[in-house]
Amino acid sequence: MAKVICSLPNASELISGVKFVTHKLGMISEEIEDDVAAMFTSIKGYVLHGKNAAKEIAALKEPVTQSAEADASATDAATPAAQSTGEAEAAPVQQ
């Protein structure tokens, strides 16, 4: 059993059926199964409750580095939505 802390702004008191309450680091969950905790911690903004939680949350709030920005740009460029299909864009509809 574990607890997770959500540091996302405007977090709810009920997230995916799990109850959360206010905590100095954000919102903390009730005791949940380890597999449910793993699902939450796979999402940015969620960390396991424990002695390193404050450090992990602080790391989430650090500014993005140039390397991370370059990685994000490369990922965006590789997505099908960002690639040209060779077709002309549709003209705007006039009213």
Protein backbone atom coordinates (compact mmCIF):
# COMPACT_ATOMS: atom_id res chain seq x y z
CA MET A 1 0.00 0.00 0.00
CA ALA A 2 1.18 3.50 -0.80
CA LYS A 3 0.14 7.14 -0.96
CA VAL A 4 0.87 9.58 -3.76
CA ILE A 5 1.15 13.35 -3.74
CA CYS A 6 -0.28 15.39 -6.60
CA SER A 7 1.44 18.74 -7.08
CA LEU A 8 -0.66 19.81 -10.06
CA PRO A 9 -2.56 23.09 -9.68
CA ASN A 10 -6.29 22.84 -9.05
CA ALA A 11 -6.10 19.11 -8.20
CA SER A 12 -9.41 17.63 -7.14
CA GLU A 13 -10.32 15.83 -3.94
CA LEU A 14 -11.34 12.82 -6.06
CA ILE A 15 -9.05 11.71 -8.89
CA SER A 16 -9.81 8.49 -10.79
CA GLY A 17 -11.89 7.27 -7.87
CA VAL A 18 -9.12 7.93 -5.31
CA LYS A 19 -9.73 10.39 -2.48
CA PHE A 20 -7.14 13.15 -1.95
CA VAL A 21 -6.82 15.69 0.87
CA THR A 22 -4.88 18.94 1.14
CA HIS A 23 -1.19 18.55 2.05
CA LYS A 24 1.64 21.09 2.31
CA LEU A 25 3.11 19.74 -0.96
CA GLY A 26 -0.20 19.57 -2.84
CA MET A 27 -2.87 16.90 -2.49
CA ILE A 28 -2.15 13.52 -0.85
CA SER A 29 -4.08 10.37 -1.62
CA GLU A 30 -5.63 7.85 0.68
CA GLU A 31 -3.81 4.49 0.95
CA ILE A 32 -3.89 2.84 -2.48
CA GLU A 33 -2.60 -0.39 -4.00
CA ASP A 34 0.95 -0.29 -5.35
CA ASP A 35 -0.20 -0.81 -8.96
CA VAL A 36 -2.57 2.17 -8.69
CA ALA A 37 0.25 4.26 -7.20
CA ALA A 38 2.47 3.21 -10.13
CA MET A 39 -0.22 4.40 -12.57
CA PHE A 40 -0.40 7.80 -10.85
CA THR A 41 3.38 8.24 -10.66
CA SER A 42 3.66 7.58 -14.40
CA ILE A 43 1.97 10.99 -14.79
CA LYS A 44 4.08 14.15 -14.40
CA GLY A 45 3.05 15.94 -11.22
CA TYR A 46 2.52 12.82 -9.11
CA VAL A 47 5.14 11.37 -6.74
CA LEU A 48 5.13 8.67 -4.09
CA HIS A 49 4.69 9.99 -0.57
CA GLY A 50 7.93 9.52 1.31
CA LYS A 51 11.07 11.21 2.53
CA ASN A 52 12.10 12.29 -1.01
CA ALA A 53 8.69 13.64 -2.06
CA ALA A 54 9.58 17.31 -1.46
CA LYS A 55 12.76 17.00 -3.56
CA GLU A 56 10.92 15.20 -6.36
CA ILE A 57 8.19 17.85 -6.46
CA ALA A 58 10.80 20.64 -6.49
CA ALA A 59 12.52 18.91 -9.43
CA LEU A 60 9.22 18.86 -11.32
CA LYS A 61 8.99 22.63 -10.95
CA GLU A 62 12.52 23.38 -12.21
CA PRO A 63 12.73 25.36 -15.46
CA VAL A 64 12.99 23.40 -18.69
CA THR A 65 16.56 23.15 -19.99
CA GLN A 66 17.57 23.82 -23.59
CA SER A 67 18.22 20.10 -24.03
CA ALA A 68 14.69 19.25 -22.91
CA GLU A 69 13.29 21.92 -25.24
CA ALA A 70 15.31 20.46 -28.14
CA ASP A 71 14.02 16.97 -27.31
CA ALA A 72 10.44 18.27 -27.27
CA SER A 73 10.93 20.03 -30.63
CA ALA A 74 12.36 16.86 -32.17
CA THR A 75 9.42 14.84 -30.86
CA ASP A 76 6.91 17.38 -32.19
CA ALA A 77 8.55 17.37 -35.62
CA ALA A 78 8.39 13.57 -35.76
CA THR A 79 4.66 13.35 -35.08
CA PRO A 80 2.41 12.68 -38.09
CA ALA A 81 0.35 15.80 -37.38
CA ALA A 82 3.45 17.94 -37.81
CA GLN A 83 4.51 16.31 -41.08
CA SER A 84 3.31 17.74 -44.37
CA THR A 85 0.99 15.57 -46.45
CA GLY A 86 1.74 17.51 -49.60
CA GLU A 87 -1.89 18.60 -49.88
CA ALA A 88 -2.84 22.27 -49.93
CA GLU A 89 -4.56 23.60 -46.86
CA ALA A 90 -8.28 24.28 -47.17
CA ALA A 91 -9.26 27.89 -47.79
CA PRO A 92 -11.06 29.65 -44.95
CA VAL A 93 -14.84 29.55 -45.16
CA GLN A 94 -16.39 32.91 -45.96
CA GLN A 95 -19.66 33.87 -44.33
